[in-house]
Amino acid sequence: MRIGFDAKRFFENKSGLGSFSRNLIKSLITDHPQHEYFLYTPKQPSKEVIQKYLDISNVKIRYPKNENGNFWRTRGILKDLARDEIDIYHGLSNEIPFGIHKIRIKTVVTIHDLIFKEFKEDHGVMDRMIYDWKSKYACHHADKIVTISKSSQQKIMDYYGIPASEVTVVYQDIDSIFEERTTQDQQEQVLQDLNVPTEFALFVGNDSRRKNLITVIRSLTHLKEERSLVLVLNKRELNKKIKDIIRQYNLYNRITILVDISINSLKVLYTQAKCLVYPSLLEGWGLPVEEALACNTLVIVPNAYPFTEHHSDGKVLLSDTEDPVEMAERIESIWPIKKKNIQIKHKILRYSTTYHKIYENIQTVTST
């Protein structure tokens, strides 16, 4: 098969949709090398990035030479897909090119979530309209709809009137690096380089209301002892509400902010942390939760979908996600536990195999 992918997030996003895209495509290339893979991105990747794939004979990178990247990604790409004789095109982030249903190319779309319809303050009006337009079109015209949790499946049914039978749930996998172990000396060196405390709770995300970092910060004021918190964020500057709390309770010396760290450094932070605190108010899946569990670290999460869809004895549940007192109690209950005494049974999900079966089924239907 000749399989094309919307690879914008693959090349441009360091986490989230970017991690999903890279994990899937890299594992498909490794596990199913018999196919040809085409990565379509609206902007020419750096030479360093392209160089990684030059020696892989079954991978091709495509980008517009003279067209506007955004237009090319949504419509102009059709002529390139036809020229490359693509059998299946996979929209990896809630969209497929407009008009692709009119040509002889089968499509798969992964709808991660419809959060933009509920947490409107995180997106401008025009952005929300565009996201809604693209997601709705994809749901009504793709040959196969896939989503990453039962929670997102229900949202697709509710907002776009798609029957449950037409939406397949495929849980997200993690990068294999999180399953690899590093020596104690290597871990200590990374912590030293990052200049973080030897004992800390960890938060991975951003400072939006949805991610609920403000409750994590407030929980520090209710801990029985002064505990340290490490934040892995997409930017160093925090919003005013959070900065005001830090200033009010003089928490500067207890909080370390890290940005743009490597995936290996993130793995070490997961491994060394007392716990990951992930009290998001709404998620499609929550990849950091699975990454931390794979590193044998307990995770504090809401007692709600999607966190309770995939059972793990490493999840510590919150009954009230926005209660800093309860969160502090959960952190305190975990802190005395020795890392060597934690044995989390984490199920590896390998979603590339499931996606490959989806591609094969579509191809079989096409052939018949």
Protein backbone atom coordinates (compact mmCIF):
# COMPACT_ATOMS: atom_id res chain seq x y z
CA MET A 1 0.00 0.00 0.00
CA ARG A 2 0.95 3.63 -0.50
CA ILE A 3 -0.15 5.42 2.66
CA GLY A 4 -0.17 9.19 3.06
CA PHE A 5 -0.27 11.11 6.33
CA ASP A 6 -1.06 14.66 7.33
CA ALA A 7 2.37 15.16 8.94
CA LYS A 8 2.12 18.81 10.01
CA ARG A 9 2.01 17.88 13.71
CA PHE A 10 4.66 15.18 13.16
CA PHE A 11 7.19 17.87 12.26
CA GLU A 12 5.95 20.93 14.16
CA ASN A 13 4.52 19.80 17.54
CA LYS A 14 6.92 18.68 20.27
CA SER A 15 4.23 16.96 22.35
CA GLY A 16 0.55 16.01 22.18
CA LEU A 17 -0.49 15.58 18.55
CA GLY A 18 3.16 15.56 17.53
CA SER A 19 3.95 12.66 19.88
CA PHE A 20 0.92 10.74 18.63
CA SER A 21 1.94 11.23 14.98
CA ARG A 22 5.59 10.29 15.51
CA ASN A 23 4.81 7.25 17.65
CA LEU A 24 2.37 5.90 15.08
CA ILE A 25 4.36 6.57 11.92
CA LYS A 26 7.71 5.41 13.33
CA SER A 27 6.21 2.15 14.57
CA LEU A 28 4.40 1.55 11.26
CA ILE A 29 7.66 2.05 9.36
CA THR A 30 9.40 -0.42 11.69
CA ASP A 31 6.68 -3.06 12.00
CA HIS A 32 5.26 -2.89 8.45
CA PRO A 33 8.14 -1.99 6.12
CA GLN A 34 6.38 -3.54 3.10
CA HIS A 35 4.37 -0.35 2.52
CA GLU A 36 5.37 3.05 1.18
CA TYR A 37 4.80 5.99 3.52
CA PHE A 38 4.31 9.59 2.40
CA LEU A 39 4.54 12.43 4.94
CA TYR A 40 2.73 15.59 3.78
CA THR A 41 3.59 18.79 5.63
CA PRO A 42 2.68 22.40 4.72
CA LYS A 43 6.15 23.74 5.52
CA GLN A 44 9.54 22.41 4.42
CA PRO A 45 11.13 20.63 7.41
CA SER A 46 14.68 21.46 8.45
CA LYS A 47 17.54 19.67 6.70
CA GLU A 48 18.37 17.93 9.99
CA VAL A 49 14.87 16.47 10.24
CA ILE A 50 14.75 15.42 6.59
CA GLN A 51 18.18 13.81 6.92
CA LYS A 52 16.74 11.29 9.40
CA TYR A 53 14.56 9.80 6.65
CA LEU A 54 16.84 10.03 3.61
CA ASP A 55 18.14 6.50 4.13
CA ILE A 56 14.66 5.01 4.60
CA SER A 57 13.71 3.94 1.10
CA ASN A 58 9.98 3.54 1.79
CA VAL A 59 9.49 7.04 3.29
CA LYS A 60 8.91 10.18 1.22
CA ILE A 61 8.43 13.74 2.51
CA ARG A 62 6.19 16.10 0.53
CA TYR A 63 5.63 19.85 0.98
CA PRO A 64 4.36 22.68 -1.27
CA LYS A 65 6.93 24.41 -3.44
CA ASN A 66 5.03 27.52 -4.50
CA GLU A 67 1.61 27.37 -2.77
CA ASN A 68 0.43 28.78 0.52
CA GLY A 69 0.97 26.01 3.07
CA ASN A 70 -2.44 26.27 4.73
CA PHE A 71 -4.33 26.20 1.43
CA TRP A 72 -2.19 23.34 0.17
CA ARG A 73 -2.89 21.28 3.29
CA THR A 74 -6.66 21.69 3.02
CA ARG A 75 -7.18 21.57 -0.78
CA GLY A 76 -4.06 21.90 -2.93
CA ILE A 77 -2.67 18.63 -1.64
CA LEU A 78 -5.20 16.64 -3.68
CA LYS A 79 -3.17 16.84 -6.89
CA ASP A 80 -0.06 15.64 -5.01
CA LEU A 81 -1.96 12.72 -3.50
CA ALA A 82 -3.18 11.75 -6.97
CA ARG A 83 0.29 12.07 -8.48
CA ASP A 84 1.77 9.89 -5.71
CA GLU A 85 -1.00 7.32 -6.31
CA ILE A 86 -1.90 7.23 -2.63
CA ASP A 87 -4.19 4.35 -1.65
CA ILE A 88 -5.08 5.58 1.86
CA TYR A 89 -4.73 9.04 3.38
CA HIS A 90 -4.72 9.35 7.17
CA GLY A 91 -5.65 12.69 8.74
CA LEU A 92 -3.84 12.47 12.07
CA SER A 93 -5.36 15.53 13.75
CA ASN A 94 -9.12 15.96 13.27
CA GLU A 95 -9.11 16.81 9.56
CA ILE A 96 -8.82 15.57 5.99
CA PRO A 97 -8.45 17.65 2.79
CA PHE A 98 -11.68 19.13 1.47
CA GLY A 99 -12.84 17.33 -1.66
CA ILE A 100 -10.84 14.16 -1.06
CA HIS A 101 -14.07 12.15 -0.90
CA LYS A 102 -14.57 12.92 -4.59
CA ILE A 103 -11.38 11.19 -5.73
CA ARG A 104 -10.37 7.52 -5.54
CA ILE A 105 -8.44 7.72 -2.27
CA LYS A 106 -9.71 6.08 0.90
CA THR A 107 -9.44 8.12 4.10
CA VAL A 108 -8.98 7.58 7.82
CA VAL A 109 -9.29 10.42 10.31
CA THR A 110 -8.26 10.41 13.95
CA ILE A 111 -10.44 12.73 16.03
CA HIS A 112 -8.53 13.28 19.27
CA ASP A 113 -11.10 15.40 21.03
CA LEU A 114 -13.64 18.21 20.60
CA ILE A 115 -12.40 20.20 23.57
CA PHE A 116 -12.62 23.45 21.61
CA LYS A 117 -16.43 23.15 21.84
CA GLU A 118 -16.39 23.04 25.65
CA PHE A 119 -13.35 25.04 26.83
CA LYS A 120 -14.03 28.00 24.59
CA GLU A 121 -11.74 30.37 26.49
CA ASP A 122 -8.71 28.43 25.24
CA HIS A 123 -9.49 29.29 21.59
CA GLY A 124 -10.51 32.39 19.67
CA VAL A 125 -13.91 32.55 17.97
CA MET A 126 -12.48 32.14 14.47
CA ASP A 127 -10.27 29.23 15.52
CA ARG A 128 -13.24 27.44 17.07
CA MET A 129 -15.27 27.87 13.90
CA ILE A 130 -12.44 26.50 11.76
CA TYR A 131 -11.81 23.52 14.07
CA ASP A 132 -15.52 22.72 14.12
CA TRP A 133 -15.84 23.03 10.34
CA LYS A 134 -12.86 20.75 9.68
CA SER A 135 -13.80 18.16 12.32
CA LYS A 136 -17.40 17.94 11.18
CA TYR A 137 -16.39 17.59 7.53
CA ALA A 138 -13.92 14.83 8.41
CA CYS A 139 -16.47 12.92 10.48
CA HIS A 140 -19.04 13.00 7.69
CA HIS A 141 -16.70 12.21 4.77
CA ALA A 142 -13.88 9.96 6.02
CA ASP A 143 -14.16 6.26 5.23
CA LYS A 144 -13.10 5.44 8.79
CA ILE A 145 -13.33 7.52 11.97
CA VAL A 146 -10.99 6.67 14.83
CA THR A 147 -10.84 8.36 18.21
CA ILE A 148 -8.61 7.93 21.24
CA SER A 149 -11.09 7.29 24.05
CA LYS A 150 -14.69 6.36 24.77
CA SER A 151 -15.10 9.87 26.14
CA SER A 152 -14.17 11.39 22.77
CA GLN A 153 -16.33 8.83 20.99
CA GLN A 154 -19.35 10.04 22.95
CA LYS A 155 -18.58 13.68 22.09
CA ILE A 156 -18.43 12.84 18.37
CA MET A 157 -21.80 11.12 18.64
CA ASP A 158 -23.34 14.01 20.57
CA TYR A 159 -22.03 16.92 18.51
CA TYR A 160 -21.99 15.48 14.99
CA GLY A 161 -24.69 12.80 15.12
CA ILE A 162 -22.33 9.97 14.18
CA PRO A 163 -23.49 6.47 15.31
CA ALA A 164 -21.22 4.69 17.79
CA SER A 165 -20.76 1.84 15.31
CA GLU A 166 -18.97 4.23 12.95
CA VAL A 167 -16.41 5.47 15.48
CA THR A 168 -13.62 3.08 16.47
CA VAL A 169 -11.77 3.70 19.74
CA VAL A 170 -8.02 3.10 19.59
CA TYR A 171 -6.18 4.08 22.77
CA GLN A 172 -2.92 5.97 22.39
CA ASP A 173 0.47 4.32 22.70
CA ILE A 174 3.60 5.90 24.17
CA ASP A 175 7.07 6.31 22.75
CA SER A 176 9.14 3.18 23.39
CA ILE A 177 11.78 5.28 25.14
CA PHE A 178 9.57 5.38 28.25
CA GLU A 179 9.81 1.60 28.53
CA GLU A 180 13.62 1.68 28.50
CA ARG A 181 15.50 1.86 31.78
CA THR A 182 18.45 4.12 32.58
CA THR A 183 21.03 3.63 35.31
CA GLN A 184 20.87 5.50 38.61
CA ASP A 185 24.02 7.40 37.69
CA GLN A 186 22.49 8.53 34.40
CA GLN A 187 19.32 9.67 36.16
CA GLU A 188 21.24 11.61 38.79
CA GLN A 189 23.25 13.34 36.08
CA VAL A 190 20.09 14.46 34.27
CA LEU A 191 18.59 15.80 37.51
CA GLN A 192 21.80 17.66 38.21
CA ASP A 193 21.84 19.15 34.71
CA LEU A 194 18.20 20.24 35.07
CA ASN A 195 18.90 21.61 38.56
CA VAL A 196 15.84 20.01 40.17
CA PRO A 197 15.42 18.79 43.78
CA THR A 198 16.05 15.14 44.67
CA GLU A 199 12.42 14.72 45.79
CA PHE A 200 9.56 16.37 43.94
CA ALA A 201 6.03 16.04 42.60
CA LEU A 202 5.73 16.52 38.84
CA PHE A 203 3.25 18.35 36.60
CA VAL A 204 3.39 18.13 32.78
CA GLY A 205 1.19 20.40 30.66
CA ASN A 206 0.45 24.12 30.52
CA ASP A 207 -1.15 26.86 32.61
CA SER A 208 -4.59 26.91 30.94
CA ARG A 209 -7.68 26.57 33.13
CA ARG A 210 -8.40 23.17 31.55
CA LYS A 211 -5.09 21.71 32.71
CA ASN A 212 -5.92 22.89 36.25
CA LEU A 213 -2.39 23.82 37.27
CA ILE A 214 -3.84 26.45 39.59
CA THR A 215 -5.23 23.73 41.89
CA VAL A 216 -1.85 21.98 41.93
CA ILE A 217 -0.18 25.23 43.03
CA ARG A 218 -2.82 25.80 45.68
CA SER A 219 -2.35 22.28 47.02
CA LEU A 220 1.23 23.18 48.00
CA THR A 221 -0.16 25.49 50.67
CA HIS A 222 -2.06 22.59 52.27
CA LEU A 223 0.80 20.10 52.47
CA LYS A 224 1.98 19.18 55.96
CA GLU A 225 5.59 19.69 54.93
CA GLU A 226 7.27 21.88 52.35
CA ARG A 227 7.36 19.71 49.22
CA SER A 228 8.90 20.65 45.89
CA LEU A 229 7.04 20.79 42.58
CA VAL A 230 8.60 20.54 39.11
CA LEU A 231 6.59 21.95 36.20
CA VAL A 232 7.28 20.85 32.63
CA LEU A 233 5.55 23.50 30.53
CA ASN A 234 5.37 24.82 26.98
CA LYS A 235 6.44 28.29 28.15
CA ARG A 236 8.17 29.74 31.19
CA GLU A 237 5.83 32.66 31.87
CA LEU A 238 2.77 31.68 33.97
CA ASN A 239 -0.61 33.41 33.84
CA LYS A 240 -1.42 36.17 36.30
CA LYS A 241 -3.72 34.13 38.57
CA ILE A 242 -1.06 31.50 39.16
CA LYS A 243 1.71 34.06 39.63
CA ASP A 244 -0.42 35.88 42.20
CA ILE A 245 -0.85 32.68 44.26
CA ILE A 246 2.87 31.92 44.09
CA ARG A 247 3.61 35.48 45.25
CA GLN A 248 0.94 35.47 47.96
CA TYR A 249 2.23 32.28 49.60
CA ASN A 250 5.90 32.83 48.71
CA LEU A 251 6.22 29.53 46.83
CA TYR A 252 9.08 30.58 44.56
CA ASN A 253 11.67 28.33 46.19
CA ARG A 254 9.41 25.27 45.97
CA ILE A 255 8.64 25.46 42.25
CA THR A 256 10.98 24.64 39.36
CA ILE A 257 9.86 25.46 35.82
CA LEU A 258 11.33 23.56 32.85
CA VAL A 259 10.66 24.16 29.16
CA ASP A 260 11.98 22.59 25.95
CA ILE A 261 13.49 19.55 27.64
CA SER A 262 14.43 16.38 25.77
CA ILE A 263 12.30 13.26 25.81
CA ASN A 264 15.08 11.47 27.68
CA SER A 265 15.07 14.16 30.37
CA LEU A 266 11.29 13.87 30.62
CA LYS A 267 11.61 10.12 31.11
CA VAL A 268 14.07 10.66 33.96
CA LEU A 269 11.73 13.18 35.59
CA TYR A 270 8.86 10.69 35.40
CA THR A 271 11.09 7.98 36.86
CA GLN A 272 12.42 10.08 39.73
CA ALA A 273 9.24 11.95 40.66
CA LYS A 274 7.31 10.98 43.76
CA CYS A 275 4.20 11.24 41.64
CA LEU A 276 2.76 12.90 38.54
CA VAL A 277 -0.12 15.25 39.37
CA TYR A 278 -2.44 15.42 36.34
CA PRO A 279 -5.79 16.94 37.40
CA SER A 280 -6.98 18.01 33.95
CA LEU A 281 -10.62 19.08 33.80
CA LEU A 282 -11.08 17.61 30.31
CA GLU A 283 -8.90 15.41 28.11
CA GLY A 284 -9.12 13.34 24.99
CA TRP A 285 -6.71 10.85 26.54
CA GLY A 286 -3.88 12.34 28.63
CA LEU A 287 -0.63 10.90 27.27
CA PRO A 288 1.60 12.01 30.20
CA VAL A 289 -0.42 9.70 32.47
CA GLU A 290 0.54 6.63 30.44
CA GLU A 291 4.14 7.81 30.10
CA ALA A 292 4.50 8.19 33.87
CA LEU A 293 2.91 4.80 34.55
CA ALA A 294 5.36 3.19 32.13
CA CYS A 295 8.14 4.73 34.25
CA ASN A 296 6.65 3.03 37.33
CA THR A 297 5.42 6.29 38.85
CA LEU A 298 2.08 6.82 40.58
CA VAL A 299 -0.27 9.34 38.96
CA ILE A 300 -2.93 11.50 40.61
CA VAL A 301 -5.86 11.90 38.20
CA PRO A 302 -9.60 12.73 38.29
CA ASN A 303 -12.04 9.90 38.92
CA ALA A 304 -13.58 10.39 35.49
CA TYR A 305 -13.31 9.44 31.83
CA PRO A 306 -10.95 9.09 30.05
CA PHE A 307 -8.67 8.39 33.03
CA THR A 308 -10.79 5.53 34.35
CA GLU A 309 -11.28 3.85 30.93
CA HIS A 310 -7.92 2.12 31.02
CA HIS A 311 -7.46 0.57 34.47
CA SER A 312 -4.14 0.73 36.26
CA ASP A 313 -3.22 0.15 39.88
CA GLY A 314 -0.87 3.13 39.55
CA LYS A 315 -3.68 5.70 39.33
CA VAL A 316 -4.66 7.58 42.49
CA LEU A 317 -8.12 9.08 41.95
CA LEU A 318 -9.46 12.50 42.94
CA SER A 319 -13.15 12.81 43.78
CA ASP A 320 -13.06 16.63 43.48
CA THR A 321 -10.48 17.68 40.92
CA GLU A 322 -10.52 21.34 41.95
CA ASP A 323 -10.17 20.75 45.71
CA PRO A 324 -6.57 21.63 46.73
CA VAL A 325 -7.01 20.05 50.16
CA GLU A 326 -7.90 16.66 48.72
CA MET A 327 -5.05 16.94 46.22
CA ALA A 328 -2.62 17.73 49.03
CA GLU A 329 -3.85 14.67 50.93
CA ARG A 330 -3.21 12.46 47.90
CA ILE A 331 0.30 13.85 47.46
CA GLU A 332 1.08 13.36 51.16
CA SER A 333 -0.19 9.76 51.05
CA ILE A 334 2.23 8.94 48.21
CA TRP A 335 5.31 10.81 49.45
CA PRO A 336 6.53 8.24 52.08
CA ILE A 337 6.32 5.34 49.60
CA LYS A 338 9.75 4.16 48.43
CA LYS A 339 10.08 4.02 44.65
CA LYS A 340 11.55 0.51 44.85
CA ASN A 341 8.32 -0.67 46.49
CA ILE A 342 6.13 0.51 43.59
CA GLN A 343 5.41 -2.12 40.95
CA ILE A 344 2.92 -0.86 38.39
CA LYS A 345 1.60 -3.31 35.84
CA HIS A 346 1.38 -1.15 32.74
CA LYS A 347 -0.18 -2.57 29.60
CA ILE A 348 1.61 -1.58 26.41
CA LEU A 349 -1.02 -0.62 23.84
CA ARG A 350 0.77 -0.82 20.44
CA TYR A 351 -1.83 1.13 18.49
CA SER A 352 0.15 0.91 15.24
CA THR A 353 -0.96 -2.73 14.86
CA THR A 354 -4.61 -1.74 15.21
CA TYR A 355 -4.25 1.08 12.69
CA HIS A 356 -2.56 -1.24 10.23
CA LYS A 357 -5.52 -3.61 10.44
CA ILE A 358 -7.81 -0.63 9.74
CA TYR A 359 -5.79 0.23 6.62
CA GLU A 360 -5.93 -3.39 5.45
CA ASN A 361 -9.68 -3.60 5.97
CA ILE A 362 -10.27 -0.42 3.98
CA GLN A 363 -8.00 -1.69 1.22
CA THR A 364 -9.87 -5.02 1.13
CA VAL A 365 -13.22 -3.27 0.81
CA THR A 366 -11.79 -1.12 -1.98
CA SER A 367 -10.48 -4.14 -3.88
CA THR A 368 -13.78 -5.97 -3.70
